Amino acid sequence: MYPLLKTLHISCAVLSYALFFLRGIWSLKGSPLMQQRWIRIVPHLIDTILLGSAVALAVTIRRYPLVDAWLTAKVLALLLYIGLGFVALKYGRNRTARVSAWLAAQAVFIYIALVAVQHDPFPFFG
């Protein structure tokens, strides 16, 4: 079961990031693609599966936020990533704020991926 959950989780993470990246570009360009129905539904569906697979993985490997430092760091970084995503795609007051949030979200995503691979909350120092 673990290999299937891990593959599902990684696949959803890649799809979620790819859609976030594209939506950021489309949003910054004012593309009408952002108004299409599927672009308002599919990312939420993928993110729901991503979250569900994350919980299932944590239970399967018996690692939990607030117990395991690397998983706590990953969850906190995810919350930051979500907040930056809201600013980048929806609530940024101006283009500079939206671009800055979008770029910062890219860095946070890289951090999350490194923490996940290394199981270390300080992946740059190990």
C-alpha atoms as a PDB file:
ATOM      1  CA  MET A   1       0.000   0.000   0.000  1.00  0.00           C
ATOM      2  CA  TYR A   2       2.845   2.412   0.833  1.00  0.00           C
ATOM      3  CA  PRO A   3       4.327   2.507  -2.709  1.00  0.00           C
ATOM      4  CA  LEU A   4       0.896   3.283  -4.187  1.00  0.00           C
ATOM      5  CA  LEU A   5       0.200   6.042  -1.646  1.00  0.00           C
ATOM      6  CA  LYS A   6       3.639   7.560  -2.172  1.00  0.00           C
ATOM      7  CA  THR A   7       3.245   7.523  -5.966  1.00  0.00           C
ATOM      8  CA  LEU A   8      -0.221   9.080  -5.688  1.00  0.00           C
ATOM      9  CA  HIS A   9       1.053  11.744  -3.296  1.00  0.00           C
ATOM     10  CA  ILE A  10       4.063  12.675  -5.434  1.00  0.00           C
ATOM     11  CA  SER A  11       1.975  12.696  -8.616  1.00  0.00           C
ATOM     12  CA  CYS A  12      -0.600  14.998  -7.042  1.00  0.00           C
ATOM     13  CA  ALA A  13       2.146  17.269  -5.687  1.00  0.00           C
ATOM     14  CA  VAL A  14       3.668  17.608  -9.158  1.00  0.00           C
ATOM     15  CA  LEU A  15       0.257  18.232 -10.777  1.00  0.00           C
ATOM     16  CA  SER A  16      -0.726  20.708  -8.074  1.00  0.00           C
ATOM     17  CA  TYR A  17       2.503  22.657  -8.483  1.00  0.00           C
ATOM     18  CA  ALA A  18       2.315  22.601 -12.291  1.00  0.00           C
ATOM     19  CA  LEU A  19      -1.219  23.981 -12.204  1.00  0.00           C
ATOM     20  CA  PHE A  20      -0.235  26.612  -9.640  1.00  0.00           C
ATOM     21  CA  PHE A  21       2.682  27.653 -11.842  1.00  0.00           C
ATOM     22  CA  LEU A  22       0.451  27.903 -14.930  1.00  0.00           C
ATOM     23  CA  ARG A  23      -2.346  29.685 -13.084  1.00  0.00           C
ATOM     24  CA  GLY A  24       0.223  32.191 -11.813  1.00  0.00           C
ATOM     25  CA  ILE A  25       1.384  32.949 -15.335  1.00  0.00           C
ATOM     26  CA  TRP A  26      -2.185  33.139 -16.631  1.00  0.00           C
ATOM     27  CA  SER A  27      -3.259  35.359 -13.749  1.00  0.00           C
ATOM     28  CA  LEU A  28      -0.353  37.750 -14.178  1.00  0.00           C
ATOM     29  CA  LYS A  29      -1.075  38.011 -17.914  1.00  0.00           C
ATOM     30  CA  GLY A  30      -4.802  38.514 -17.320  1.00  0.00           C
ATOM     31  CA  SER A  31      -5.573  35.434 -19.412  1.00  0.00           C
ATOM     32  CA  PRO A  32      -9.212  34.460 -19.926  1.00  0.00           C
ATOM     33  CA  LEU A  33      -8.111  30.872 -19.211  1.00  0.00           C
ATOM     34  CA  MET A  34      -8.389  31.754 -15.509  1.00  0.00           C
ATOM     35  CA  GLN A  35     -12.152  32.078 -15.966  1.00  0.00           C
ATOM     36  CA  GLN A  36     -12.667  28.591 -17.344  1.00  0.00           C
ATOM     37  CA  ARG A  37     -14.707  26.296 -15.116  1.00  0.00           C
ATOM     38  CA  TRP A  38     -12.165  23.468 -15.050  1.00  0.00           C
ATOM     39  CA  ILE A  39      -9.421  25.749 -13.734  1.00  0.00           C
ATOM     40  CA  ARG A  40     -11.615  26.572 -10.731  1.00  0.00           C
ATOM     41  CA  ILE A  41     -12.395  22.887 -10.013  1.00  0.00           C
ATOM     42  CA  VAL A  42      -9.449  20.648 -10.985  1.00  0.00           C
ATOM     43  CA  PRO A  43      -6.815  22.245  -8.690  1.00  0.00           C
ATOM     44  CA  HIS A  44      -9.113  21.783  -5.674  1.00  0.00           C
ATOM     45  CA  LEU A  45      -9.755  18.162  -6.608  1.00  0.00           C
ATOM     46  CA  ILE A  46      -6.029  17.457  -6.973  1.00  0.00           C
ATOM     47  CA  ASP A  47      -5.213  19.264  -3.719  1.00  0.00           C
ATOM     48  CA  THR A  48      -7.889  17.271  -1.868  1.00  0.00           C
ATOM     49  CA  ILE A  49      -6.384  14.004  -3.105  1.00  0.00           C
ATOM     50  CA  LEU A  50      -2.920  15.333  -2.234  1.00  0.00           C
ATOM     51  CA  LEU A  51      -4.000  16.105   1.334  1.00  0.00           C
ATOM     52  CA  GLY A  52      -5.791  12.770   1.713  1.00  0.00           C
ATOM     53  CA  SER A  53      -2.758  10.856   0.482  1.00  0.00           C
ATOM     54  CA  ALA A  54      -0.543  12.854   2.855  1.00  0.00           C
ATOM     55  CA  VAL A  55      -2.666  11.874   5.842  1.00  0.00           C
ATOM     56  CA  ALA A  56      -2.757   8.238   4.695  1.00  0.00           C
ATOM     57  CA  LEU A  57       1.037   8.238   4.266  1.00  0.00           C
ATOM     58  CA  ALA A  58       1.597   9.748   7.708  1.00  0.00           C
ATOM     59  CA  VAL A  59      -0.599   7.089   9.311  1.00  0.00           C
ATOM     60  CA  THR A  60       1.030   4.321   7.259  1.00  0.00           C
ATOM     61  CA  ILE A  61       4.593   5.269   8.208  1.00  0.00           C
ATOM     62  CA  ARG A  62       3.561   6.347  11.728  1.00  0.00           C
ATOM     63  CA  ARG A  63       5.015   9.832  11.433  1.00  0.00           C
ATOM     64  CA  TYR A  64       2.975  12.794  12.604  1.00  0.00           C
ATOM     65  CA  PRO A  65       3.152  16.599  12.658  1.00  0.00           C
ATOM     66  CA  LEU A  66       4.013  18.000  16.093  1.00  0.00           C
ATOM     67  CA  VAL A  67       5.850  14.721  16.814  1.00  0.00           C
ATOM     68  CA  ASP A  68       8.291  14.545  13.896  1.00  0.00           C
ATOM     69  CA  ALA A  69      10.099  17.835  13.245  1.00  0.00           C
ATOM     70  CA  TRP A  70      10.438  17.346   9.484  1.00  0.00           C
ATOM     71  CA  LEU A  71       6.709  16.705   9.091  1.00  0.00           C
ATOM     72  CA  THR A  72       5.849  19.691  11.283  1.00  0.00           C
ATOM     73  CA  ALA A  73       8.099  21.857   9.093  1.00  0.00           C
ATOM     74  CA  LYS A  74       6.449  20.498   5.965  1.00  0.00           C
ATOM     75  CA  VAL A  75       2.933  21.265   7.260  1.00  0.00           C
ATOM     76  CA  LEU A  76       3.892  24.778   8.372  1.00  0.00           C
ATOM     77  CA  ALA A  77       5.556  25.435   5.021  1.00  0.00           C
ATOM     78  CA  LEU A  78       2.427  24.141   3.279  1.00  0.00           C
ATOM     79  CA  LEU A  79       0.322  26.695   5.173  1.00  0.00           C
ATOM     80  CA  LEU A  80       2.735  29.434   4.061  1.00  0.00           C
ATOM     81  CA  TYR A  81       2.577  28.134   0.470  1.00  0.00           C
ATOM     82  CA  ILE A  82      -1.234  28.239   0.544  1.00  0.00           C
ATOM     83  CA  GLY A  83      -1.210  31.790   1.935  1.00  0.00           C
ATOM     84  CA  LEU A  84       1.244  32.955  -0.701  1.00  0.00           C
ATOM     85  CA  GLY A  85      -0.905  31.262  -3.345  1.00  0.00           C
ATOM     86  CA  PHE A  86      -3.951  33.242  -2.224  1.00  0.00           C
ATOM     87  CA  VAL A  87      -1.992  36.484  -2.519  1.00  0.00           C
ATOM     88  CA  ALA A  88      -0.457  35.507  -5.866  1.00  0.00           C
ATOM     89  CA  LEU A  89      -3.659  34.362  -7.540  1.00  0.00           C
ATOM     90  CA  LYS A  90      -6.431  36.301  -5.879  1.00  0.00           C
ATOM     91  CA  TYR A  91      -5.785  38.789  -3.117  1.00  0.00           C
ATOM     92  CA  GLY A  92      -2.586  40.596  -4.132  1.00  0.00           C
ATOM     93  CA  ARG A  93      -3.296  44.336  -4.123  1.00  0.00           C
ATOM     94  CA  ASN A  94      -1.092  45.029  -7.111  1.00  0.00           C
ATOM     95  CA  ARG A  95       1.059  43.272  -9.671  1.00  0.00           C
ATOM     96  CA  THR A  96       4.232  43.622  -7.582  1.00  0.00           C
ATOM     97  CA  ALA A  97       2.599  41.934  -4.588  1.00  0.00           C
ATOM     98  CA  ARG A  98       1.212  39.145  -6.773  1.00  0.00           C
ATOM     99  CA  VAL A  99       4.526  38.489  -8.538  1.00  0.00           C
ATOM    100  CA  SER A 100       6.440  38.579  -5.236  1.00  0.00           C
ATOM    101  CA  ALA A 101       4.020  36.127  -3.617  1.00  0.00           C
ATOM    102  CA  TRP A 102       4.106  33.858  -6.673  1.00  0.00           C
ATOM    103  CA  LEU A 103       7.919  33.760  -6.659  1.00  0.00           C
ATOM    104  CA  ALA A 104       8.060  33.236  -2.893  1.00  0.00           C
ATOM    105  CA  ALA A 105       5.614  30.344  -3.286  1.00  0.00           C
ATOM    106  CA  GLN A 106       8.044  28.724  -5.749  1.00  0.00           C
ATOM    107  CA  ALA A 107      10.799  28.863  -3.124  1.00  0.00           C
ATOM    108  CA  VAL A 108       8.496  27.453  -0.441  1.00  0.00           C
ATOM    109  CA  PHE A 109       7.470  24.589  -2.721  1.00  0.00           C
ATOM    110  CA  ILE A 110      11.139  23.712  -3.291  1.00  0.00           C
ATOM    111  CA  TYR A 111      11.667  23.767   0.477  1.00  0.00           C
ATOM    112  CA  ILE A 112       8.674  21.441   1.016  1.00  0.00           C
ATOM    113  CA  ALA A 113       9.992  19.018  -1.600  1.00  0.00           C
ATOM    114  CA  LEU A 114      13.487  19.003  -0.055  1.00  0.00           C
ATOM    115  CA  VAL A 115      12.089  18.426   3.433  1.00  0.00           C
ATOM    116  CA  ALA A 116       9.971  15.563   2.090  1.00  0.00           C
ATOM    117  CA  VAL A 117      12.913  13.887   0.379  1.00  0.00           C
ATOM    118  CA  GLN A 118      15.443  14.389   3.168  1.00  0.00           C
ATOM    119  CA  HIS A 119      13.105  14.086   6.180  1.00  0.00           C
ATOM    120  CA  ASP A 120      14.980  17.039   7.610  1.00  0.00           C
ATOM    121  CA  PRO A 121      13.447  20.431   8.540  1.00  0.00           C
ATOM    122  CA  PHE A 122      16.773  22.074   7.628  1.00  0.00           C
ATOM    123  CA  PRO A 123      17.510  20.529   4.232  1.00  0.00           C
ATOM    124  CA  PHE A 124      19.976  23.228   3.191  1.00  0.00           C
ATOM    125  CA  PHE A 125      22.328  22.511   6.088  1.00  0.00           C
ATOM    126  CA  GLY A 126      22.564  18.721   5.896  1.00  0.00           C
END
